[in-house]
Each structure stands twice: as C-alpha cells, then as structure tokens.
Amino acid sequence: MSQKYAWLITGTSRGIGLELVRQLLTDSVNIIIATCRNPQGATALHNLQNAAKGELHIVRLDITDEDSINNSVGEVKEIVGDRGIDYLVNNAAVSNGLDTAFDFSVEALKSIIPSNLIGPALMSKAYLPLLLKSSRKALVNISSGLGSFKLNIGRADYATYCITKAALNMLTFKQAQACPEIIAIVLCPGWVKTDMGTQEAPLEVEESVAGIIKTVTSLQQSDSGRYWRYTGEEIPW
C-alpha cells in the first residue's frame, strides 16, 4: 500500500486554494481536507469530486472565528485518524488594495489582520498536535513577496496588505524556532491571475500551484524557518 498524505488547506472555494485542491486530487495518495466559510455555496469545489483520484473532504471553517477553528479540529481528527496532518497550508487571505502608509483606513487594516495573521496563527496552534502526528509535519503559510523588506516590490502601494504579510513572515520564523520538530515555511505564490491578483497578473494559477506543490513536497527539515518562492528559490527577508 502506497503512503498516503493528508493536506488541510484553508480558503479553497476559489483562486489558489481551489487550484491546489484540483491538482492534488489528481494523485490517489492525497487526502485533502478543503476548508471554506460556506461549503454549500462552493460549487466549483464540490464539482472537483467527480473526477477525483484522491480523497476530498470539505469542512466548514471561518479563519476569522477562533471557535470555528477550534470546533473544526474534531471533525478533521475523524477524517485523518492516527495519520495526522502532513501538510497544513494556511492559504486564505484578503487585501485592501492600493492604500499607503499615510493614506489608509484604520477599519480596513483591522479587518484584514484576522484573515492574514491571526487566522494562520490560530490554525497553526489548533492543528499542531495533528501536524506532530504525521510523517511530513509541514506548516506552509502562504505569504507574498510584498512582505519582503529586501525585495521592496510593493513600494508605497498595498501598505496594509504588505504589513500583514511581513507579520505573517515573522510568525512563521518564530514557529520554526518554537517547534523544531516541524517544517514551518513562508511561501510566495507569485503574482497570480486570481480575484485578488486580478487579470493583470502575469502568472496563471495552474503554473503557480504546480510550483507550490513541487516546492512543498520537496521540503527538508533544513528548509524550516525560511522564505520560499513557488519556484523553489529562496527569498530574502
């Protein structure tokens, strides 16, 4: 019997999350727990079950709600059993668009912190015991090159989004130090044609996700606490 791998992915009703599920389902070794806020309305996600080789479970989860996160753990435990979660992918995120450090809405900034920072932190905390049970123990926080000080690709724009992604990067760095048994990384998917990335983006979602899967499944323990591009190249902090 071939080795099975369990993936828990947030934000799977569209964009990168949906494509991650689609590509992972083409391989029978994968068990995917796809989470989203409204499973009943996630038609595209349900449609993936028809041609799936892998195993798909759709779980209701709101990453901005601590009770929702904690309540989901029991359901996921029933799915994975003693196998645990091999890959926890904190993918769900939102953006405020073209604001700047001196021209932004306080309420808008407050509104994205739960999705972009607190949600991944709480997901990682709640699911750490299941990560530690698995053979891979990979924690993947989907960030952005916009969160890198060194690259400085955001310039003045997208200030509040950049701030939350830089904070997510630091969270991941601290997670790797706090729990050396796991592989905790930050991953930039590139500028992708999605609702958030817009159709101006140069990268097709299929290409980005293929790179993400290749990079993530190739991770070694020495890669923990580092910042990666979907191509497998390391990004400076």
C-alpha atoms as a PDB file:
ATOM      1  CA  MET A   1       0.000   0.000   0.000  1.00  0.00           C
ATOM      2  CA  SER A   2       1.388   3.410  -1.007  1.00  0.00           C
ATOM      3  CA  GLN A   3       1.988   6.152   1.549  1.00  0.00           C
ATOM      4  CA  LYS A   4      -0.978   8.497   1.968  1.00  0.00           C
ATOM      5  CA  TYR A   5      -0.579  12.198   2.686  1.00  0.00           C
ATOM      6  CA  ALA A   6      -3.184  14.368   4.393  1.00  0.00           C
ATOM      7  CA  TRP A   7      -3.483  18.020   3.374  1.00  0.00           C
ATOM      8  CA  LEU A   8      -5.503  20.649   5.255  1.00  0.00           C
ATOM      9  CA  ILE A   9      -5.936  23.785   3.148  1.00  0.00           C
ATOM     10  CA  THR A  10      -7.790  26.993   4.021  1.00  0.00           C
ATOM     11  CA  GLY A  11      -9.527  29.259   1.539  1.00  0.00           C
ATOM     12  CA  THR A  12     -10.355  26.604  -1.065  1.00  0.00           C
ATOM     13  CA  SER A  13     -13.544  27.933  -2.655  1.00  0.00           C
ATOM     14  CA  ARG A  14     -11.629  29.871  -5.331  1.00  0.00           C
ATOM     15  CA  GLY A  15      -8.241  31.002  -6.615  1.00  0.00           C
ATOM     16  CA  ILE A  16      -5.035  29.360  -5.446  1.00  0.00           C
ATOM     17  CA  GLY A  17      -6.793  27.272  -2.800  1.00  0.00           C
ATOM     18  CA  LEU A  18      -9.239  25.776  -5.295  1.00  0.00           C
ATOM     19  CA  GLU A  19      -6.457  25.011  -7.770  1.00  0.00           C
ATOM     20  CA  LEU A  20      -4.372  23.377  -5.026  1.00  0.00           C
ATOM     21  CA  VAL A  21      -7.266  21.040  -4.327  1.00  0.00           C
ATOM     22  CA  ARG A  22      -7.791  20.332  -8.037  1.00  0.00           C
ATOM     23  CA  GLN A  23      -4.165  19.432  -8.704  1.00  0.00           C
ATOM     24  CA  LEU A  24      -3.719  17.407  -5.518  1.00  0.00           C
ATOM     25  CA  LEU A  25      -6.821  15.369  -6.322  1.00  0.00           C
ATOM     26  CA  THR A  26      -5.181  14.034  -9.485  1.00  0.00           C
ATOM     27  CA  ASP A  27      -2.988  11.802  -7.287  1.00  0.00           C
ATOM     28  CA  SER A  28      -4.585   8.966  -5.321  1.00  0.00           C
ATOM     29  CA  VAL A  29      -2.031   9.280  -2.483  1.00  0.00           C
ATOM     30  CA  ASN A  30      -3.568  12.572  -1.339  1.00  0.00           C
ATOM     31  CA  ILE A  31      -6.295  13.053   1.246  1.00  0.00           C
ATOM     32  CA  ILE A  32      -7.473  16.668   1.067  1.00  0.00           C
ATOM     33  CA  ILE A  33      -9.418  18.463   3.757  1.00  0.00           C
ATOM     34  CA  ALA A  34     -10.595  21.580   1.945  1.00  0.00           C
ATOM     35  CA  THR A  35     -11.963  24.289   4.212  1.00  0.00           C
ATOM     36  CA  CYS A  36     -14.081  27.288   3.364  1.00  0.00           C
ATOM     37  CA  ARG A  37     -16.570  29.566   5.045  1.00  0.00           C
ATOM     38  CA  ASN A  38     -19.622  28.389   3.070  1.00  0.00           C
ATOM     39  CA  PRO A  39     -19.301  24.823   1.741  1.00  0.00           C
ATOM     40  CA  GLN A  40     -22.855  24.813   0.378  1.00  0.00           C
ATOM     41  CA  GLY A  41     -22.038  27.731  -1.892  1.00  0.00           C
ATOM     42  CA  ALA A  42     -18.659  26.323  -3.015  1.00  0.00           C
ATOM     43  CA  THR A  43     -19.959  24.814  -6.258  1.00  0.00           C
ATOM     44  CA  ALA A  44     -16.574  24.703  -8.002  1.00  0.00           C
ATOM     45  CA  LEU A  45     -15.092  22.850  -5.033  1.00  0.00           C
ATOM     46  CA  HIS A  46     -17.864  20.249  -4.966  1.00  0.00           C
ATOM     47  CA  ASN A  47     -17.518  19.743  -8.714  1.00  0.00           C
ATOM     48  CA  LEU A  48     -13.936  18.540  -8.221  1.00  0.00           C
ATOM     49  CA  GLN A  49     -15.212  15.395  -6.520  1.00  0.00           C
ATOM     50  CA  ASN A  50     -16.495  13.985  -9.806  1.00  0.00           C
ATOM     51  CA  ALA A  51     -13.088  13.266 -11.369  1.00  0.00           C
ATOM     52  CA  ALA A  52     -11.047  12.962  -8.175  1.00  0.00           C
ATOM     53  CA  LYS A  53      -8.442  10.233  -7.788  1.00  0.00           C
ATOM     54  CA  GLY A  54      -7.520  11.496  -4.343  1.00  0.00           C
ATOM     55  CA  GLU A  55      -9.888  11.754  -1.396  1.00  0.00           C
ATOM     56  CA  LEU A  56     -11.720  15.041  -0.806  1.00  0.00           C
ATOM     57  CA  HIS A  57     -13.420  16.206   2.392  1.00  0.00           C
ATOM     58  CA  ILE A  58     -14.990  19.657   2.565  1.00  0.00           C
ATOM     59  CA  VAL A  59     -15.117  21.210   6.032  1.00  0.00           C
ATOM     60  CA  ARG A  60     -16.798  24.425   7.123  1.00  0.00           C
ATOM     61  CA  LEU A  61     -14.236  26.760   8.715  1.00  0.00           C
ATOM     62  CA  ASP A  62     -14.029  30.520   9.174  1.00  0.00           C
ATOM     63  CA  ILE A  63     -10.429  31.509   9.856  1.00  0.00           C
ATOM     64  CA  THR A  64     -11.570  34.813  11.390  1.00  0.00           C
ATOM     65  CA  ASP A  65     -13.501  32.934  14.093  1.00  0.00           C
ATOM     66  CA  GLU A  66     -11.496  31.197  16.842  1.00  0.00           C
ATOM     67  CA  ASP A  67     -14.433  28.993  17.835  1.00  0.00           C
ATOM     68  CA  SER A  68     -14.887  27.866  14.234  1.00  0.00           C
ATOM     69  CA  ILE A  69     -11.204  26.904  14.036  1.00  0.00           C
ATOM     70  CA  ASN A  70     -11.238  25.007  17.323  1.00  0.00           C
ATOM     71  CA  ASN A  71     -14.542  23.282  16.548  1.00  0.00           C
ATOM     72  CA  SER A  72     -13.190  22.021  13.205  1.00  0.00           C
ATOM     73  CA  VAL A  73     -10.412  20.008  14.846  1.00  0.00           C
ATOM     74  CA  GLY A  74     -12.691  17.199  15.983  1.00  0.00           C
ATOM     75  CA  GLU A  75     -14.157  16.746  12.502  1.00  0.00           C
ATOM     76  CA  VAL A  76     -10.696  16.672  10.946  1.00  0.00           C
ATOM     77  CA  LYS A  77      -9.481  14.150  13.545  1.00  0.00           C
ATOM     78  CA  GLU A  78     -12.267  11.804  12.484  1.00  0.00           C
ATOM     79  CA  ILE A  79     -11.103  12.062   8.876  1.00  0.00           C
ATOM     80  CA  VAL A  80      -7.356  11.573   9.364  1.00  0.00           C
ATOM     81  CA  GLY A  81      -7.301   9.351  12.458  1.00  0.00           C
ATOM     82  CA  ASP A  82      -3.828   8.495  13.723  1.00  0.00           C
ATOM     83  CA  ARG A  83      -2.240   9.612  10.438  1.00  0.00           C
ATOM     84  CA  GLY A  84      -2.327  13.274  11.425  1.00  0.00           C
ATOM     85  CA  ILE A  85      -1.954  16.216   9.028  1.00  0.00           C
ATOM     86  CA  ASP A  86       1.103  16.049   6.763  1.00  0.00           C
ATOM     87  CA  TYR A  87       0.642  19.483   5.185  1.00  0.00           C
ATOM     88  CA  LEU A  88      -1.185  22.401   6.790  1.00  0.00           C
ATOM     89  CA  VAL A  89      -1.499  25.142   4.165  1.00  0.00           C
ATOM     90  CA  ASN A  90      -2.697  28.481   5.526  1.00  0.00           C
ATOM     91  CA  ASN A  91      -3.777  29.964   2.218  1.00  0.00           C
ATOM     92  CA  ALA A  92      -6.822  32.156   2.942  1.00  0.00           C
ATOM     93  CA  ALA A  93      -6.117  35.904   2.854  1.00  0.00           C
ATOM     94  CA  VAL A  94      -7.606  39.246   1.833  1.00  0.00           C
ATOM     95  CA  SER A  95      -6.268  42.589   0.590  1.00  0.00           C
ATOM     96  CA  ASN A  96      -7.202  46.247   0.997  1.00  0.00           C
ATOM     97  CA  GLY A  97      -5.769  47.204  -2.394  1.00  0.00           C
ATOM     98  CA  LEU A  98      -3.842  50.343  -3.245  1.00  0.00           C
ATOM     99  CA  ASP A  99      -3.501  52.091   0.096  1.00  0.00           C
ATOM    100  CA  THR A 100      -0.328  53.662   1.504  1.00  0.00           C
ATOM    101  CA  ALA A 101       1.312  54.134   4.905  1.00  0.00           C
ATOM    102  CA  PHE A 102      -0.198  57.644   5.178  1.00  0.00           C
ATOM    103  CA  ASP A 103      -3.458  57.052   3.348  1.00  0.00           C
ATOM    104  CA  PHE A 104      -5.301  54.036   4.717  1.00  0.00           C
ATOM    105  CA  SER A 105      -8.407  53.162   6.658  1.00  0.00           C
ATOM    106  CA  VAL A 106      -7.903  52.004  10.239  1.00  0.00           C
ATOM    107  CA  GLU A 107     -11.034  49.871   9.986  1.00  0.00           C
ATOM    108  CA  ALA A 108      -9.788  48.313   6.762  1.00  0.00           C
ATOM    109  CA  LEU A 109      -6.470  47.426   8.384  1.00  0.00           C
ATOM    110  CA  LYS A 110      -8.275  45.918  11.375  1.00  0.00           C
ATOM    111  CA  SER A 111     -10.494  43.942   9.031  1.00  0.00           C
ATOM    112  CA  ILE A 112      -7.655  42.075   7.259  1.00  0.00           C
ATOM    113  CA  ILE A 113      -5.491  41.236  10.282  1.00  0.00           C
ATOM    114  CA  PRO A 114      -7.818  38.387  11.381  1.00  0.00           C
ATOM    115  CA  SER A 115      -7.567  36.693   7.966  1.00  0.00           C
ATOM    116  CA  ASN A 116      -3.926  37.387   7.147  1.00  0.00           C
ATOM    117  CA  LEU A 117      -2.276  36.965  10.546  1.00  0.00           C
ATOM    118  CA  ILE A 118      -4.462  35.881  13.450  1.00  0.00           C
ATOM    119  CA  GLY A 119      -6.212  33.155  11.466  1.00  0.00           C
ATOM    120  CA  PRO A 120      -2.979  31.409  10.379  1.00  0.00           C
ATOM    121  CA  ALA A 121      -1.617  31.748  13.930  1.00  0.00           C
ATOM    122  CA  LEU A 122      -4.716  30.149  15.460  1.00  0.00           C
ATOM    123  CA  MET A 123      -4.889  27.441  12.766  1.00  0.00           C
ATOM    124  CA  SER A 124      -1.271  26.503  13.446  1.00  0.00           C
ATOM    125  CA  LYS A 125      -1.858  26.429  17.194  1.00  0.00           C
ATOM    126  CA  ALA A 126      -5.026  24.338  16.946  1.00  0.00           C
ATOM    127  CA  TYR A 127      -3.603  21.838  14.468  1.00  0.00           C
ATOM    128  CA  LEU A 128      -0.067  21.474  15.840  1.00  0.00           C
ATOM    129  CA  PRO A 129      -0.908  18.180  17.624  1.00  0.00           C
ATOM    130  CA  LEU A 130      -2.137  16.679  14.338  1.00  0.00           C
ATOM    131  CA  LEU A 131       0.914  18.002  12.488  1.00  0.00           C
ATOM    132  CA  LEU A 132       3.200  16.346  15.017  1.00  0.00           C
ATOM    133  CA  LYS A 133       1.452  13.007  14.460  1.00  0.00           C
ATOM    134  CA  SER A 134       2.220  12.972  10.730  1.00  0.00           C
ATOM    135  CA  SER A 135       5.209  11.799   8.741  1.00  0.00           C
ATOM    136  CA  ARG A 136       5.826  15.155   6.989  1.00  0.00           C
ATOM    137  CA  LYS A 137       4.904  17.787   9.627  1.00  0.00           C
ATOM    138  CA  ALA A 138       4.884  20.669   7.111  1.00  0.00           C
ATOM    139  CA  LEU A 139       3.347  24.029   8.019  1.00  0.00           C
ATOM    140  CA  VAL A 140       3.050  26.274   4.957  1.00  0.00           C
ATOM    141  CA  ASN A 141       1.988  29.897   5.396  1.00  0.00           C
ATOM    142  CA  ILE A 142       1.128  31.449   2.042  1.00  0.00           C
ATOM    143  CA  SER A 143       2.588  34.943   2.090  1.00  0.00           C
ATOM    144  CA  SER A 144       3.796  37.238  -0.696  1.00  0.00           C
ATOM    145  CA  GLY A 145       6.972  38.799  -1.992  1.00  0.00           C
ATOM    146  CA  LEU A 146       5.286  42.043  -0.934  1.00  0.00           C
ATOM    147  CA  GLY A 147       6.096  41.067   2.641  1.00  0.00           C
ATOM    148  CA  SER A 148       9.856  41.128   1.992  1.00  0.00           C
ATOM    149  CA  PHE A 149      11.816  44.192   3.156  1.00  0.00           C
ATOM    150  CA  LYS A 150      14.745  43.292   0.911  1.00  0.00           C
ATOM    151  CA  LEU A 151      12.776  42.887  -2.316  1.00  0.00           C
ATOM    152  CA  ASN A 152      10.805  46.111  -1.762  1.00  0.00           C
ATOM    153  CA  ILE A 153       8.495  45.248  -4.656  1.00  0.00           C
ATOM    154  CA  GLY A 154       5.430  46.856  -3.101  1.00  0.00           C
ATOM    155  CA  ARG A 155       6.967  50.338  -2.880  1.00  0.00           C
ATOM    156  CA  ALA A 156       4.333  52.699  -1.473  1.00  0.00           C
ATOM    157  CA  ASP A 157       1.271  50.723  -2.588  1.00  0.00           C
ATOM    158  CA  TYR A 158      -0.605  47.900  -0.825  1.00  0.00           C
ATOM    159  CA  ALA A 159       0.756  49.122   2.512  1.00  0.00           C
ATOM    160  CA  THR A 160      -1.647  47.388   4.879  1.00  0.00           C
ATOM    161  CA  TYR A 161      -1.505  44.116   2.937  1.00  0.00           C
ATOM    162  CA  CYS A 162       2.320  44.246   2.991  1.00  0.00           C
ATOM    163  CA  ILE A 163       2.293  44.900   6.733  1.00  0.00           C
ATOM    164  CA  THR A 164       0.151  41.835   7.442  1.00  0.00           C
ATOM    165  CA  LYS A 165       2.307  39.625   5.212  1.00  0.00           C
ATOM    166  CA  ALA A 166       5.522  40.842   6.875  1.00  0.00           C
ATOM    167  CA  ALA A 167       3.915  39.987  10.213  1.00  0.00           C
ATOM    168  CA  LEU A 168       2.979  36.526   8.903  1.00  0.00           C
ATOM    169  CA  ASN A 169       6.607  36.041   7.877  1.00  0.00           C
ATOM    170  CA  MET A 170       7.786  36.796  11.404  1.00  0.00           C
ATOM    171  CA  LEU A 171       5.139  34.492  12.846  1.00  0.00           C
ATOM    172  CA  THR A 172       6.473  31.661  10.684  1.00  0.00           C
ATOM    173  CA  PHE A 173      10.072  32.381  11.692  1.00  0.00           C
ATOM    174  CA  LYS A 174       9.034  32.163  15.348  1.00  0.00           C
ATOM    175  CA  GLN A 175       7.016  28.992  14.748  1.00  0.00           C
ATOM    176  CA  ALA A 176      10.062  27.267  13.272  1.00  0.00           C
ATOM    177  CA  GLN A 177      12.097  28.221  16.343  1.00  0.00           C
ATOM    178  CA  ALA A 178       9.382  27.263  18.830  1.00  0.00           C
ATOM    179  CA  CYS A 179       8.792  23.811  17.338  1.00  0.00           C
ATOM    180  CA  PRO A 180      11.886  22.418  15.578  1.00  0.00           C
ATOM    181  CA  GLU A 181      10.093  19.090  15.013  1.00  0.00           C
ATOM    182  CA  ILE A 182       8.018  20.629  12.202  1.00  0.00           C
ATOM    183  CA  ILE A 183       8.964  22.235   8.879  1.00  0.00           C
ATOM    184  CA  ALA A 184       7.474  25.748   9.040  1.00  0.00           C
ATOM    185  CA  ILE A 185       7.924  27.913   5.950  1.00  0.00           C
ATOM    186  CA  VAL A 186       6.623  31.043   4.277  1.00  0.00           C
ATOM    187  CA  LEU A 187       5.791  30.655   0.596  1.00  0.00           C
ATOM    188  CA  CYS A 188       5.176  33.299  -2.081  1.00  0.00           C
ATOM    189  CA  PRO A 189       2.892  32.024  -4.877  1.00  0.00           C
ATOM    190  CA  GLY A 190       3.910  34.827  -7.235  1.00  0.00           C
ATOM    191  CA  TRP A 191       1.592  37.442  -8.756  1.00  0.00           C
ATOM    192  CA  VAL A 192      -1.230  35.215  -9.934  1.00  0.00           C
ATOM    193  CA  LYS A 193      -4.342  35.731 -12.055  1.00  0.00           C
ATOM    194  CA  THR A 194      -6.982  35.388  -9.322  1.00  0.00           C
ATOM    195  CA  ASP A 195      -9.718  37.634  -7.948  1.00  0.00           C
ATOM    196  CA  MET A 196      -7.124  39.173  -5.612  1.00  0.00           C
ATOM    197  CA  GLY A 197      -4.265  39.230  -8.115  1.00  0.00           C
ATOM    198  CA  THR A 198      -6.513  40.486 -10.947  1.00  0.00           C
ATOM    199  CA  GLN A 199      -6.189  39.600 -14.613  1.00  0.00           C
ATOM    200  CA  GLU A 200      -3.215  41.988 -14.893  1.00  0.00           C
ATOM    201  CA  ALA A 201      -1.047  39.399 -13.133  1.00  0.00           C
ATOM    202  CA  PRO A 202       1.489  37.637 -15.383  1.00  0.00           C
ATOM    203  CA  LEU A 203       1.193  34.180 -13.810  1.00  0.00           C
ATOM    204  CA  GLU A 204      -1.519  31.609 -14.478  1.00  0.00           C
ATOM    205  CA  VAL A 205      -2.871  29.940 -11.354  1.00  0.00           C
ATOM    206  CA  GLU A 206      -2.130  26.476 -12.763  1.00  0.00           C
ATOM    207  CA  GLU A 207       1.583  27.282 -13.099  1.00  0.00           C
ATOM    208  CA  SER A 208       1.833  28.828  -9.652  1.00  0.00           C
ATOM    209  CA  VAL A 209       0.127  25.895  -7.951  1.00  0.00           C
ATOM    210  CA  ALA A 210       2.185  23.287  -9.791  1.00  0.00           C
ATOM    211  CA  GLY A 211       5.279  25.054  -8.468  1.00  0.00           C
ATOM    212  CA  ILE A 212       3.856  25.316  -4.961  1.00  0.00           C
ATOM    213  CA  ILE A 213       3.158  21.583  -4.812  1.00  0.00           C
ATOM    214  CA  LYS A 214       6.599  20.686  -6.164  1.00  0.00           C
ATOM    215  CA  THR A 215       8.311  23.010  -3.685  1.00  0.00           C
ATOM    216  CA  VAL A 216       6.267  21.952  -0.672  1.00  0.00           C
ATOM    217  CA  THR A 217       6.533  18.217  -1.291  1.00  0.00           C
ATOM    218  CA  SER A 218      10.327  18.580  -1.655  1.00  0.00           C
ATOM    219  CA  LEU A 219      10.835  20.329   1.687  1.00  0.00           C
ATOM    220  CA  GLN A 220      13.519  19.100   4.065  1.00  0.00           C
ATOM    221  CA  GLN A 221      13.946  19.866   7.762  1.00  0.00           C
ATOM    222  CA  SER A 222      16.778  22.285   6.939  1.00  0.00           C
ATOM    223  CA  ASP A 223      14.286  24.414   4.946  1.00  0.00           C
ATOM    224  CA  SER A 224      12.276  25.284   8.055  1.00  0.00           C
ATOM    225  CA  GLY A 225      12.104  28.928   9.103  1.00  0.00           C
ATOM    226  CA  ARG A 226      12.870  30.151   5.587  1.00  0.00           C
ATOM    227  CA  TYR A 227      11.097  32.159   2.893  1.00  0.00           C
ATOM    228  CA  TRP A 228      10.453  30.453  -0.449  1.00  0.00           C
ATOM    229  CA  ARG A 229       9.093  31.334  -3.871  1.00  0.00           C
ATOM    230  CA  TYR A 230       6.759  28.907  -5.653  1.00  0.00           C
ATOM    231  CA  THR A 231       9.678  28.150  -8.000  1.00  0.00           C
ATOM    232  CA  GLY A 232      11.757  26.746  -5.132  1.00  0.00           C
ATOM    233  CA  GLU A 233      14.040  29.807  -4.948  1.00  0.00           C
ATOM    234  CA  GLU A 234      14.712  31.343  -1.545  1.00  0.00           C
ATOM    235  CA  ILE A 235      13.519  34.905  -0.909  1.00  0.00           C
ATOM    236  CA  PRO A 236      15.435  37.346   1.329  1.00  0.00           C
ATOM    237  CA  TRP A 237      13.512  38.607   4.352  1.00  0.00           C
END
